[in-house]
Amino acid sequence: MNALVDIHPEISEALKSGKPVVALESTIISHGMPYPKNVETALAVEEVVRQQGAVPATIAIMDGKCRVGLSKDELEYFGKAKDVWKVSLRDMPYVISRGLAGATTVAATMRIASLAGIKIFATGGIGGVHRGAETSMDISADLTEMTETSVAIISAGVKSILDIGLTLEYLETKGIPVITYGQDEFPSFYSRKSGFKSPLRLDDADSVAKLLDTKWKLGMKGSVLIANPIPAALEIAPDEIEKHIQSALAAAAEKKISGKEVTPFLLQHIASHTQGESLEANIALIKHNAEVGARIAVALSAC
């Protein structure tokens, strides 16, 4: 085992005995929601995973180690602390070598999950090709990591603040299977609709697990994106959320927000301009993704 990876005893035992484990990211806690909603959500998501018969593994960086599994006190720390780094791949060596606290993005969480031997990762939404990327070249490291790391991602699609069409094109170019769970249309994070047909559709956890098992047994490295639409009762209409996205993008441009600060700024702006409706939708979809992710992990452990 890598000396820089510290795995919680419960998770280590689960991995050794072949029990299903679901990785969870920590950026949602430190940079995605206000306190105490962030910690409450993190604990609730872990409980959802347990209810489905899997073991949750929230991942972060702390004290010079990649931490796979956090205690309640550690979750509180990441929920409250103001100096926590938002860590993607490029930041990992710096943050770990300096002994800093870091909340991991999708890309960093995938890499650490892979080092620990975890194959399933549930999150909110993945990063992708940003709007205006043809001039900014702003493409999330989440996408390049998905070509390298054999960890499946369950998310509510691509964050709707991004260019969904270009992101799907990029994923196709890189040969990353994109499956929508239970419907033909690819979802758009807050909404069940995006205007884009999903490349693939599967309707149950067993079918997804069989596809994952087949892909990796063929020696085809890399991720699979399982897009899990937000529950219908909690979605926000695409045209409504688009108005808030445009307002958020204009505000970010005016304030010259760039780089890894863009996504947290946009999500916070949208939450404040939807009277918290987008935050509640975000919480609901994360729980839903954890539930489906745990079911897939259970099914995969039986393959």
C-alpha atoms as a PDB file:
ATOM      1  CA  MET A   1       0.000   0.000   0.000  1.00  0.00           C
ATOM      2  CA  ASN A   2       1.167   3.519  -0.822  1.00  0.00           C
ATOM      3  CA  ALA A   3       2.696   5.144   2.272  1.00  0.00           C
ATOM      4  CA  LEU A   4       0.932   8.403   1.428  1.00  0.00           C
ATOM      5  CA  VAL A   5      -2.537   6.801   1.565  1.00  0.00           C
ATOM      6  CA  ASP A   6      -4.153   6.406   5.002  1.00  0.00           C
ATOM      7  CA  ILE A   7      -7.229   4.159   4.866  1.00  0.00           C
ATOM      8  CA  HIS A   8      -9.729   4.077   7.738  1.00  0.00           C
ATOM      9  CA  PRO A   9      -9.730   0.615   9.407  1.00  0.00           C
ATOM     10  CA  GLU A  10     -13.411  -0.045   8.550  1.00  0.00           C
ATOM     11  CA  ILE A  11     -12.773   0.708   4.889  1.00  0.00           C
ATOM     12  CA  SER A  12      -9.531  -1.272   4.829  1.00  0.00           C
ATOM     13  CA  GLU A  13     -11.314  -4.315   6.227  1.00  0.00           C
ATOM     14  CA  ALA A  14     -14.147  -3.923   3.717  1.00  0.00           C
ATOM     15  CA  LEU A  15     -11.709  -3.784   0.799  1.00  0.00           C
ATOM     16  CA  LYS A  16      -9.773  -6.815   2.025  1.00  0.00           C
ATOM     17  CA  SER A  17     -12.954  -8.876   2.372  1.00  0.00           C
ATOM     18  CA  GLY A  18     -14.449  -7.785  -0.965  1.00  0.00           C
ATOM     19  CA  LYS A  19     -17.293  -5.754   0.527  1.00  0.00           C
ATOM     20  CA  PRO A  20     -18.721  -2.889  -1.571  1.00  0.00           C
ATOM     21  CA  VAL A  21     -17.194   0.541  -0.926  1.00  0.00           C
ATOM     22  CA  VAL A  22     -18.281   3.904  -2.357  1.00  0.00           C
ATOM     23  CA  ALA A  23     -15.867   6.838  -2.573  1.00  0.00           C
ATOM     24  CA  LEU A  24     -17.216  10.324  -1.798  1.00  0.00           C
ATOM     25  CA  GLU A  25     -15.515  13.654  -2.449  1.00  0.00           C
ATOM     26  CA  SER A  26     -14.824  16.426   0.063  1.00  0.00           C
ATOM     27  CA  THR A  27     -14.934  19.545  -2.127  1.00  0.00           C
ATOM     28  CA  ILE A  28     -18.700  19.494  -1.716  1.00  0.00           C
ATOM     29  CA  ILE A  29     -18.124  19.881   2.029  1.00  0.00           C
ATOM     30  CA  SER A  30     -15.488  22.636   1.985  1.00  0.00           C
ATOM     31  CA  HIS A  31     -16.352  24.543  -1.184  1.00  0.00           C
ATOM     32  CA  GLY A  32     -19.820  23.508  -2.311  1.00  0.00           C
ATOM     33  CA  MET A  33     -22.190  24.365   0.551  1.00  0.00           C
ATOM     34  CA  PRO A  34     -22.431  26.636   3.601  1.00  0.00           C
ATOM     35  CA  TYR A  35     -21.969  25.352   7.163  1.00  0.00           C
ATOM     36  CA  PRO A  36     -23.769  23.483   8.746  1.00  0.00           C
ATOM     37  CA  LYS A  37     -25.622  22.220   5.639  1.00  0.00           C
ATOM     38  CA  ASN A  38     -22.355  20.867   4.257  1.00  0.00           C
ATOM     39  CA  VAL A  39     -21.598  18.637   7.249  1.00  0.00           C
ATOM     40  CA  GLU A  40     -25.212  17.558   7.643  1.00  0.00           C
ATOM     41  CA  THR A  41     -25.247  16.569   3.973  1.00  0.00           C
ATOM     42  CA  ALA A  42     -21.930  14.703   4.200  1.00  0.00           C
ATOM     43  CA  LEU A  43     -23.191  12.643   7.148  1.00  0.00           C
ATOM     44  CA  ALA A  44     -26.543  12.011   5.462  1.00  0.00           C
ATOM     45  CA  VAL A  45     -24.848  10.865   2.246  1.00  0.00           C
ATOM     46  CA  GLU A  46     -22.650   8.424   4.178  1.00  0.00           C
ATOM     47  CA  GLU A  47     -25.782   7.044   5.857  1.00  0.00           C
ATOM     48  CA  VAL A  48     -27.509   6.608   2.485  1.00  0.00           C
ATOM     49  CA  VAL A  49     -24.544   4.492   1.316  1.00  0.00           C
ATOM     50  CA  ARG A  50     -24.739   2.348   4.455  1.00  0.00           C
ATOM     51  CA  GLN A  51     -28.483   1.805   4.055  1.00  0.00           C
ATOM     52  CA  GLN A  52     -27.832   0.241   0.656  1.00  0.00           C
ATOM     53  CA  GLY A  53     -25.317  -2.219   2.099  1.00  0.00           C
ATOM     54  CA  ALA A  54     -22.050  -0.492   1.151  1.00  0.00           C
ATOM     55  CA  VAL A  55     -19.308   1.266   3.119  1.00  0.00           C
ATOM     56  CA  PRO A  56     -18.815   5.035   2.560  1.00  0.00           C
ATOM     57  CA  ALA A  57     -15.291   6.400   2.068  1.00  0.00           C
ATOM     58  CA  THR A  58     -15.156  10.197   2.148  1.00  0.00           C
ATOM     59  CA  ILE A  59     -11.789  11.249   0.735  1.00  0.00           C
ATOM     60  CA  ALA A  60      -9.657  14.288   1.607  1.00  0.00           C
ATOM     61  CA  ILE A  61      -6.038  15.312   2.232  1.00  0.00           C
ATOM     62  CA  MET A  62      -4.833  15.935   5.771  1.00  0.00           C
ATOM     63  CA  ASP A  63      -1.500  15.929   7.646  1.00  0.00           C
ATOM     64  CA  GLY A  64       0.523  14.938   4.608  1.00  0.00           C
ATOM     65  CA  LYS A  65      -1.651  11.961   3.691  1.00  0.00           C
ATOM     66  CA  CYS A  66      -4.458  11.054   1.338  1.00  0.00           C
ATOM     67  CA  ARG A  67      -7.214  10.195   3.799  1.00  0.00           C
ATOM     68  CA  VAL A  68      -9.709   7.524   2.737  1.00  0.00           C
ATOM     69  CA  GLY A  69     -12.493   7.770   5.309  1.00  0.00           C
ATOM     70  CA  LEU A  70     -13.053  10.649   7.738  1.00  0.00           C
ATOM     71  CA  SER A  71     -14.356  10.743  11.311  1.00  0.00           C
ATOM     72  CA  LYS A  72     -17.282  12.964  12.287  1.00  0.00           C
ATOM     73  CA  ASP A  73     -14.870  15.453  13.876  1.00  0.00           C
ATOM     74  CA  GLU A  74     -12.821  15.552  10.683  1.00  0.00           C
ATOM     75  CA  LEU A  75     -15.945  16.172   8.617  1.00  0.00           C
ATOM     76  CA  GLU A  76     -16.745  19.067  10.973  1.00  0.00           C
ATOM     77  CA  TYR A  77     -13.254  20.454  10.429  1.00  0.00           C
ATOM     78  CA  PHE A  78     -13.587  20.374   6.646  1.00  0.00           C
ATOM     79  CA  GLY A  79     -17.033  21.944   6.940  1.00  0.00           C
ATOM     80  CA  LYS A  80     -15.871  24.858   9.121  1.00  0.00           C
ATOM     81  CA  ALA A  81     -12.240  25.615   8.221  1.00  0.00           C
ATOM     82  CA  LYS A  82     -11.648  28.596   5.942  1.00  0.00           C
ATOM     83  CA  ASP A  83      -8.143  27.707   4.709  1.00  0.00           C
ATOM     84  CA  VAL A  84      -8.875  24.328   3.106  1.00  0.00           C
ATOM     85  CA  TRP A  85      -7.398  23.963  -0.364  1.00  0.00           C
ATOM     86  CA  LYS A  86      -9.558  22.923  -3.294  1.00  0.00           C
ATOM     87  CA  VAL A  87      -7.321  20.164  -4.600  1.00  0.00           C
ATOM     88  CA  SER A  88      -7.232  18.871  -8.150  1.00  0.00           C
ATOM     89  CA  LEU A  89      -4.454  16.685  -9.580  1.00  0.00           C
ATOM     90  CA  ARG A  90      -1.939  19.480 -10.116  1.00  0.00           C
ATOM     91  CA  ASP A  91      -2.254  20.555  -6.464  1.00  0.00           C
ATOM     92  CA  MET A  92      -1.868  17.133  -4.829  1.00  0.00           C
ATOM     93  CA  PRO A  93       1.964  17.011  -4.548  1.00  0.00           C
ATOM     94  CA  TYR A  94       2.138  20.538  -3.143  1.00  0.00           C
ATOM     95  CA  VAL A  95      -0.677  20.156  -0.601  1.00  0.00           C
ATOM     96  CA  ILE A  96       0.495  16.724   0.589  1.00  0.00           C
ATOM     97  CA  SER A  97       4.196  17.656   0.812  1.00  0.00           C
ATOM     98  CA  ARG A  98       3.334  20.818   2.770  1.00  0.00           C
ATOM     99  CA  GLY A  99       1.048  18.996   5.193  1.00  0.00           C
ATOM    100  CA  LEU A 100      -1.914  21.206   4.295  1.00  0.00           C
ATOM    101  CA  ALA A 101      -5.618  20.376   4.488  1.00  0.00           C
ATOM    102  CA  GLY A 102      -7.196  19.767   1.111  1.00  0.00           C
ATOM    103  CA  ALA A 103     -10.701  18.996  -0.093  1.00  0.00           C
ATOM    104  CA  THR A 104     -10.538  16.808  -3.173  1.00  0.00           C
ATOM    105  CA  THR A 105     -12.257  17.490  -6.495  1.00  0.00           C
ATOM    106  CA  VAL A 106     -13.610  14.736  -8.736  1.00  0.00           C
ATOM    107  CA  ALA A 107     -10.209  14.197 -10.402  1.00  0.00           C
ATOM    108  CA  ALA A 108      -8.237  14.025  -7.146  1.00  0.00           C
ATOM    109  CA  THR A 109     -10.879  11.863  -5.456  1.00  0.00           C
ATOM    110  CA  MET A 110     -10.767   9.419  -8.378  1.00  0.00           C
ATOM    111  CA  ARG A 111      -6.984   9.136  -8.204  1.00  0.00           C
ATOM    112  CA  ILE A 112      -6.980   8.517  -4.445  1.00  0.00           C
ATOM    113  CA  ALA A 113      -9.880   6.062  -4.674  1.00  0.00           C
ATOM    114  CA  SER A 114      -7.936   4.144  -7.301  1.00  0.00           C
ATOM    115  CA  LEU A 115      -4.839   4.052  -5.098  1.00  0.00           C
ATOM    116  CA  ALA A 116      -6.994   2.568  -2.330  1.00  0.00           C
ATOM    117  CA  GLY A 117      -8.616   0.012  -4.626  1.00  0.00           C
ATOM    118  CA  ILE A 118     -12.117   1.560  -4.715  1.00  0.00           C
ATOM    119  CA  LYS A 119     -13.979   1.231  -8.020  1.00  0.00           C
ATOM    120  CA  ILE A 120     -17.180   3.259  -7.435  1.00  0.00           C
ATOM    121  CA  PHE A 121     -17.394   6.987  -6.747  1.00  0.00           C
ATOM    122  CA  ALA A 122     -20.599   8.976  -6.165  1.00  0.00           C
ATOM    123  CA  THR A 123     -20.589  12.761  -6.480  1.00  0.00           C
ATOM    124  CA  GLY A 124     -22.883  15.649  -7.426  1.00  0.00           C
ATOM    125  CA  GLY A 125     -21.826  16.550 -10.951  1.00  0.00           C
ATOM    126  CA  ILE A 126     -18.557  16.278 -12.833  1.00  0.00           C
ATOM    127  CA  GLY A 127     -16.523  19.131 -14.251  1.00  0.00           C
ATOM    128  CA  GLY A 128     -16.161  19.423 -18.005  1.00  0.00           C
ATOM    129  CA  VAL A 129     -15.681  21.824 -20.861  1.00  0.00           C
ATOM    130  CA  HIS A 130     -16.504  25.354 -19.679  1.00  0.00           C
ATOM    131  CA  ARG A 131     -18.631  27.701 -21.701  1.00  0.00           C
ATOM    132  CA  GLY A 132     -16.329  29.790 -23.863  1.00  0.00           C
ATOM    133  CA  ALA A 133     -13.577  27.136 -23.715  1.00  0.00           C
ATOM    134  CA  GLU A 134     -12.792  27.829 -27.384  1.00  0.00           C
ATOM    135  CA  THR A 135     -11.067  31.013 -26.172  1.00  0.00           C
ATOM    136  CA  SER A 136     -10.293  30.269 -22.503  1.00  0.00           C
ATOM    137  CA  MET A 137      -9.149  26.634 -22.963  1.00  0.00           C
ATOM    138  CA  ASP A 138     -10.845  25.937 -19.618  1.00  0.00           C
ATOM    139  CA  ILE A 139     -11.412  22.177 -19.543  1.00  0.00           C
ATOM    140  CA  SER A 140     -11.674  20.377 -16.213  1.00  0.00           C
ATOM    141  CA  ALA A 141      -8.995  17.884 -15.200  1.00  0.00           C
ATOM    142  CA  ASP A 142     -11.932  15.628 -14.285  1.00  0.00           C
ATOM    143  CA  LEU A 143     -12.214  14.686 -17.962  1.00  0.00           C
ATOM    144  CA  THR A 144      -8.559  13.831 -18.538  1.00  0.00           C
ATOM    145  CA  GLU A 145      -8.460  11.843 -15.299  1.00  0.00           C
ATOM    146  CA  MET A 146     -11.434   9.816 -16.506  1.00  0.00           C
ATOM    147  CA  THR A 147      -9.301   8.543 -19.393  1.00  0.00           C
ATOM    148  CA  GLU A 148      -6.613   7.295 -16.998  1.00  0.00           C
ATOM    149  CA  THR A 149      -8.325   6.009 -13.861  1.00  0.00           C
ATOM    150  CA  SER A 150     -10.572   2.942 -13.690  1.00  0.00           C
ATOM    151  CA  VAL A 151     -13.107   4.318 -11.231  1.00  0.00           C
ATOM    152  CA  ALA A 152     -16.749   4.657 -12.300  1.00  0.00           C
ATOM    153  CA  ILE A 153     -18.504   7.946 -11.499  1.00  0.00           C
ATOM    154  CA  ILE A 154     -22.170   8.282 -10.580  1.00  0.00           C
ATOM    155  CA  SER A 155     -23.294  11.894 -10.940  1.00  0.00           C
ATOM    156  CA  ALA A 156     -26.319  13.934 -11.972  1.00  0.00           C
ATOM    157  CA  GLY A 157     -24.616  14.484 -15.307  1.00  0.00           C
ATOM    158  CA  VAL A 158     -22.381  17.445 -16.069  1.00  0.00           C
ATOM    159  CA  LYS A 159     -22.762  20.633 -14.036  1.00  0.00           C
ATOM    160  CA  SER A 160     -25.247  22.796 -15.944  1.00  0.00           C
ATOM    161  CA  ILE A 161     -22.937  25.827 -15.676  1.00  0.00           C
ATOM    162  CA  LEU A 162     -20.718  24.073 -18.253  1.00  0.00           C
ATOM    163  CA  ASP A 163     -21.034  23.399 -21.980  1.00  0.00           C
ATOM    164  CA  ILE A 164     -22.785  20.029 -21.858  1.00  0.00           C
ATOM    165  CA  GLY A 165     -22.651  19.395 -25.604  1.00  0.00           C
ATOM    166  CA  LEU A 166     -18.896  19.974 -25.862  1.00  0.00           C
ATOM    167  CA  THR A 167     -18.316  17.895 -22.736  1.00  0.00           C
ATOM    168  CA  LEU A 168     -20.178  14.946 -24.259  1.00  0.00           C
ATOM    169  CA  GLU A 169     -18.145  15.349 -27.457  1.00  0.00           C
ATOM    170  CA  TYR A 170     -14.910  15.339 -25.447  1.00  0.00           C
ATOM    171  CA  LEU A 171     -15.936  12.198 -23.556  1.00  0.00           C
ATOM    172  CA  GLU A 172     -16.745  10.479 -26.861  1.00  0.00           C
ATOM    173  CA  THR A 173     -13.353  11.431 -28.300  1.00  0.00           C
ATOM    174  CA  LYS A 174     -11.632   9.942 -25.265  1.00  0.00           C
ATOM    175  CA  GLY A 175     -13.641   6.717 -25.484  1.00  0.00           C
ATOM    176  CA  ILE A 176     -15.330   7.116 -22.097  1.00  0.00           C
ATOM    177  CA  PRO A 177     -18.716   5.323 -21.962  1.00  0.00           C
ATOM    178  CA  VAL A 178     -21.555   7.636 -20.913  1.00  0.00           C
ATOM    179  CA  ILE A 179     -24.648   5.904 -19.544  1.00  0.00           C
ATOM    180  CA  THR A 180     -27.841   7.576 -18.389  1.00  0.00           C
ATOM    181  CA  TYR A 181     -29.633   5.665 -15.659  1.00  0.00           C
ATOM    182  CA  GLY A 182     -33.303   5.114 -16.407  1.00  0.00           C
ATOM    183  CA  GLN A 183     -33.964   7.564 -19.250  1.00  0.00           C
ATOM    184  CA  ASP A 184     -32.908   8.368 -22.815  1.00  0.00           C
ATOM    185  CA  GLU A 185     -32.033  12.052 -22.337  1.00  0.00           C
ATOM    186  CA  PHE A 186     -28.800  13.086 -20.666  1.00  0.00           C
ATOM    187  CA  PRO A 187     -29.547  15.097 -17.481  1.00  0.00           C
ATOM    188  CA  SER A 188     -28.161  18.535 -16.680  1.00  0.00           C
ATOM    189  CA  PHE A 189     -27.513  18.489 -12.929  1.00  0.00           C
ATOM    190  CA  TYR A 190     -30.422  20.582 -11.575  1.00  0.00           C
ATOM    191  CA  SER A 191     -32.716  19.325 -14.342  1.00  0.00           C
ATOM    192  CA  ARG A 192     -33.613  15.940 -15.796  1.00  0.00           C
ATOM    193  CA  LYS A 193     -33.398  17.363 -19.315  1.00  0.00           C
ATOM    194  CA  SER A 194     -30.486  18.858 -21.220  1.00  0.00           C
ATOM    195  CA  GLY A 195     -31.576  18.703 -24.852  1.00  0.00           C
ATOM    196  CA  PHE A 196     -28.928  16.031 -25.547  1.00  0.00           C
ATOM    197  CA  LYS A 197     -29.648  12.365 -26.113  1.00  0.00           C
ATOM    198  CA  SER A 198     -27.632  10.056 -23.915  1.00  0.00           C
ATOM    199  CA  PRO A 199     -25.088   7.909 -25.775  1.00  0.00           C
ATOM    200  CA  LEU A 200     -26.173   4.846 -23.733  1.00  0.00           C
ATOM    201  CA  ARG A 201     -28.977   3.883 -21.370  1.00  0.00           C
ATOM    202  CA  LEU A 202     -29.195   1.236 -18.631  1.00  0.00           C
ATOM    203  CA  ASP A 203     -32.038   0.848 -16.147  1.00  0.00           C
ATOM    204  CA  ASP A 204     -30.697  -1.112 -13.168  1.00  0.00           C
ATOM    205  CA  ALA A 205     -27.607  -1.536 -11.006  1.00  0.00           C
ATOM    206  CA  ASP A 206     -26.921  -5.107 -12.129  1.00  0.00           C
ATOM    207  CA  SER A 207     -26.687  -4.052 -15.784  1.00  0.00           C
ATOM    208  CA  VAL A 208     -24.319  -1.200 -14.947  1.00  0.00           C
ATOM    209  CA  ALA A 209     -22.140  -3.469 -12.814  1.00  0.00           C
ATOM    210  CA  LYS A 210     -21.956  -6.039 -15.610  1.00  0.00           C
ATOM    211  CA  LEU A 211     -20.850  -3.331 -18.080  1.00  0.00           C
ATOM    212  CA  LEU A 212     -18.147  -2.105 -15.669  1.00  0.00           C
ATOM    213  CA  ASP A 213     -16.903  -5.618 -15.022  1.00  0.00           C
ATOM    214  CA  THR A 214     -16.797  -6.327 -18.770  1.00  0.00           C
ATOM    215  CA  LYS A 215     -14.939  -3.100 -19.624  1.00  0.00           C
ATOM    216  CA  TRP A 216     -12.201  -3.636 -17.070  1.00  0.00           C
ATOM    217  CA  LYS A 217     -11.848  -7.374 -17.791  1.00  0.00           C
ATOM    218  CA  LEU A 218     -11.209  -6.413 -21.415  1.00  0.00           C
ATOM    219  CA  GLY A 219      -8.229  -4.395 -20.202  1.00  0.00           C
ATOM    220  CA  MET A 220      -9.883  -1.108 -21.152  1.00  0.00           C
ATOM    221  CA  LYS A 221      -8.665   1.330 -18.534  1.00  0.00           C
ATOM    222  CA  GLY A 222     -10.524   4.466 -17.607  1.00  0.00           C
ATOM    223  CA  SER A 223     -13.804   5.561 -16.125  1.00  0.00           C
ATOM    224  CA  VAL A 224     -17.465   5.178 -17.013  1.00  0.00           C
ATOM    225  CA  LEU A 225     -19.836   8.091 -16.410  1.00  0.00           C
ATOM    226  CA  ILE A 226     -23.205   6.987 -15.033  1.00  0.00           C
ATOM    227  CA  ALA A 227     -25.538   9.981 -15.274  1.00  0.00           C
ATOM    228  CA  ASN A 228     -28.298   9.679 -12.689  1.00  0.00           C
ATOM    229  CA  PRO A 229     -31.128  12.227 -13.189  1.00  0.00           C
ATOM    230  CA  ILE A 230     -32.244  14.266 -10.175  1.00  0.00           C
ATOM    231  CA  PRO A 231     -35.607  13.075  -8.735  1.00  0.00           C
ATOM    232  CA  ALA A 232     -38.428  14.690 -10.733  1.00  0.00           C
ATOM    233  CA  ALA A 233     -40.086  16.342  -7.725  1.00  0.00           C
ATOM    234  CA  LEU A 234     -36.911  18.308  -6.934  1.00  0.00           C
ATOM    235  CA  GLU A 235     -35.659  19.348 -10.369  1.00  0.00           C
ATOM    236  CA  ILE A 236     -35.497  22.961 -11.530  1.00  0.00           C
ATOM    237  CA  ALA A 237     -36.756  23.697 -15.050  1.00  0.00           C
ATOM    238  CA  PRO A 238     -33.872  24.122 -17.531  1.00  0.00           C
ATOM    239  CA  ASP A 239     -35.016  27.553 -18.765  1.00  0.00           C
ATOM    240  CA  GLU A 240     -35.346  28.821 -15.190  1.00  0.00           C
ATOM    241  CA  ILE A 241     -31.888  27.672 -14.093  1.00  0.00           C
ATOM    242  CA  GLU A 242     -30.350  28.974 -17.332  1.00  0.00           C
ATOM    243  CA  LYS A 243     -31.384  32.543 -16.418  1.00  0.00           C
ATOM    244  CA  HIS A 244     -29.498  32.242 -13.132  1.00  0.00           C
ATOM    245  CA  ILE A 245     -26.486  30.661 -14.848  1.00  0.00           C
ATOM    246  CA  GLN A 246     -26.238  33.573 -17.277  1.00  0.00           C
ATOM    247  CA  SER A 247     -26.453  36.028 -14.374  1.00  0.00           C
ATOM    248  CA  ALA A 248     -23.747  34.107 -12.492  1.00  0.00           C
ATOM    249  CA  LEU A 249     -21.458  33.993 -15.529  1.00  0.00           C
ATOM    250  CA  ALA A 250     -21.832  37.762 -15.999  1.00  0.00           C
ATOM    251  CA  ALA A 251     -21.024  38.350 -12.325  1.00  0.00           C
ATOM    252  CA  ALA A 252     -17.940  36.110 -12.543  1.00  0.00           C
ATOM    253  CA  ALA A 253     -16.694  37.988 -15.620  1.00  0.00           C
ATOM    254  CA  GLU A 254     -17.245  41.339 -13.917  1.00  0.00           C
ATOM    255  CA  LYS A 255     -15.292  40.209 -10.835  1.00  0.00           C
ATOM    256  CA  LYS A 256     -12.622  38.566 -13.036  1.00  0.00           C
ATOM    257  CA  ILE A 257     -13.107  35.203 -11.316  1.00  0.00           C
ATOM    258  CA  SER A 258     -11.034  32.508 -13.039  1.00  0.00           C
ATOM    259  CA  GLY A 259      -9.493  29.058 -12.656  1.00  0.00           C
ATOM    260  CA  LYS A 260     -10.625  26.723  -9.912  1.00  0.00           C
ATOM    261  CA  GLU A 261     -12.540  29.543  -8.194  1.00  0.00           C
ATOM    262  CA  VAL A 262     -15.094  29.739 -11.017  1.00  0.00           C
ATOM    263  CA  THR A 263     -17.277  26.747 -10.146  1.00  0.00           C
ATOM    264  CA  PRO A 264     -17.695  27.513  -6.399  1.00  0.00           C
ATOM    265  CA  PHE A 265     -18.472  31.152  -7.244  1.00  0.00           C
ATOM    266  CA  LEU A 266     -21.101  30.221  -9.839  1.00  0.00           C
ATOM    267  CA  LEU A 267     -22.806  27.653  -7.596  1.00  0.00           C
ATOM    268  CA  GLN A 268     -22.907  30.082  -4.662  1.00  0.00           C
ATOM    269  CA  HIS A 269     -24.271  32.868  -6.860  1.00  0.00           C
ATOM    270  CA  ILE A 270     -27.004  30.592  -8.217  1.00  0.00           C
ATOM    271  CA  ALA A 271     -27.931  29.371  -4.716  1.00  0.00           C
ATOM    272  CA  SER A 272     -28.255  32.935  -3.409  1.00  0.00           C
ATOM    273  CA  HIS A 273     -30.426  33.966  -6.375  1.00  0.00           C
ATOM    274  CA  THR A 274     -32.789  30.979  -6.189  1.00  0.00           C
ATOM    275  CA  GLN A 275     -33.703  31.454  -2.500  1.00  0.00           C
ATOM    276  CA  GLY A 276     -31.875  28.243  -1.680  1.00  0.00           C
ATOM    277  CA  GLU A 277     -33.854  26.152  -4.180  1.00  0.00           C
ATOM    278  CA  SER A 278     -30.693  25.160  -6.066  1.00  0.00           C
ATOM    279  CA  LEU A 279     -28.952  24.217  -2.813  1.00  0.00           C
ATOM    280  CA  GLU A 280     -31.807  21.889  -1.847  1.00  0.00           C
ATOM    281  CA  ALA A 281     -31.746  20.391  -5.332  1.00  0.00           C
ATOM    282  CA  ASN A 282     -27.983  19.910  -5.012  1.00  0.00           C
ATOM    283  CA  ILE A 283     -28.401  18.068  -1.708  1.00  0.00           C
ATOM    284  CA  ALA A 284     -31.173  15.874  -3.111  1.00  0.00           C
ATOM    285  CA  LEU A 285     -29.201  14.834  -6.179  1.00  0.00           C
ATOM    286  CA  ILE A 286     -26.076  14.020  -4.160  1.00  0.00           C
ATOM    287  CA  LYS A 287     -28.084  11.708  -1.896  1.00  0.00           C
ATOM    288  CA  HIS A 288     -29.740  10.118  -4.916  1.00  0.00           C
ATOM    289  CA  ASN A 289     -26.362   9.537  -6.567  1.00  0.00           C
ATOM    290  CA  ALA A 290     -25.017   7.967  -3.377  1.00  0.00           C
ATOM    291  CA  GLU A 291     -27.993   5.605  -3.265  1.00  0.00           C
ATOM    292  CA  VAL A 292     -27.586   4.466  -6.865  1.00  0.00           C
ATOM    293  CA  GLY A 293     -23.793   4.352  -6.522  1.00  0.00           C
ATOM    294  CA  ALA A 294     -24.074   2.076  -3.496  1.00  0.00           C
ATOM    295  CA  ARG A 295     -26.445  -0.247  -5.349  1.00  0.00           C
ATOM    296  CA  ILE A 296     -23.968  -0.472  -8.227  1.00  0.00           C
ATOM    297  CA  ALA A 297     -21.093  -1.122  -5.794  1.00  0.00           C
ATOM    298  CA  VAL A 298     -23.079  -3.964  -4.193  1.00  0.00           C
ATOM    299  CA  ALA A 299     -23.831  -5.454  -7.622  1.00  0.00           C
ATOM    300  CA  LEU A 300     -20.197  -5.088  -8.760  1.00  0.00           C
ATOM    301  CA  SER A 301     -18.932  -6.870  -5.640  1.00  0.00           C
ATOM    302  CA  ALA A 302     -20.976  -9.896  -6.722  1.00  0.00           C
ATOM    303  CA  CYS A 303     -19.477 -10.035 -10.252  1.00  0.00           C
END
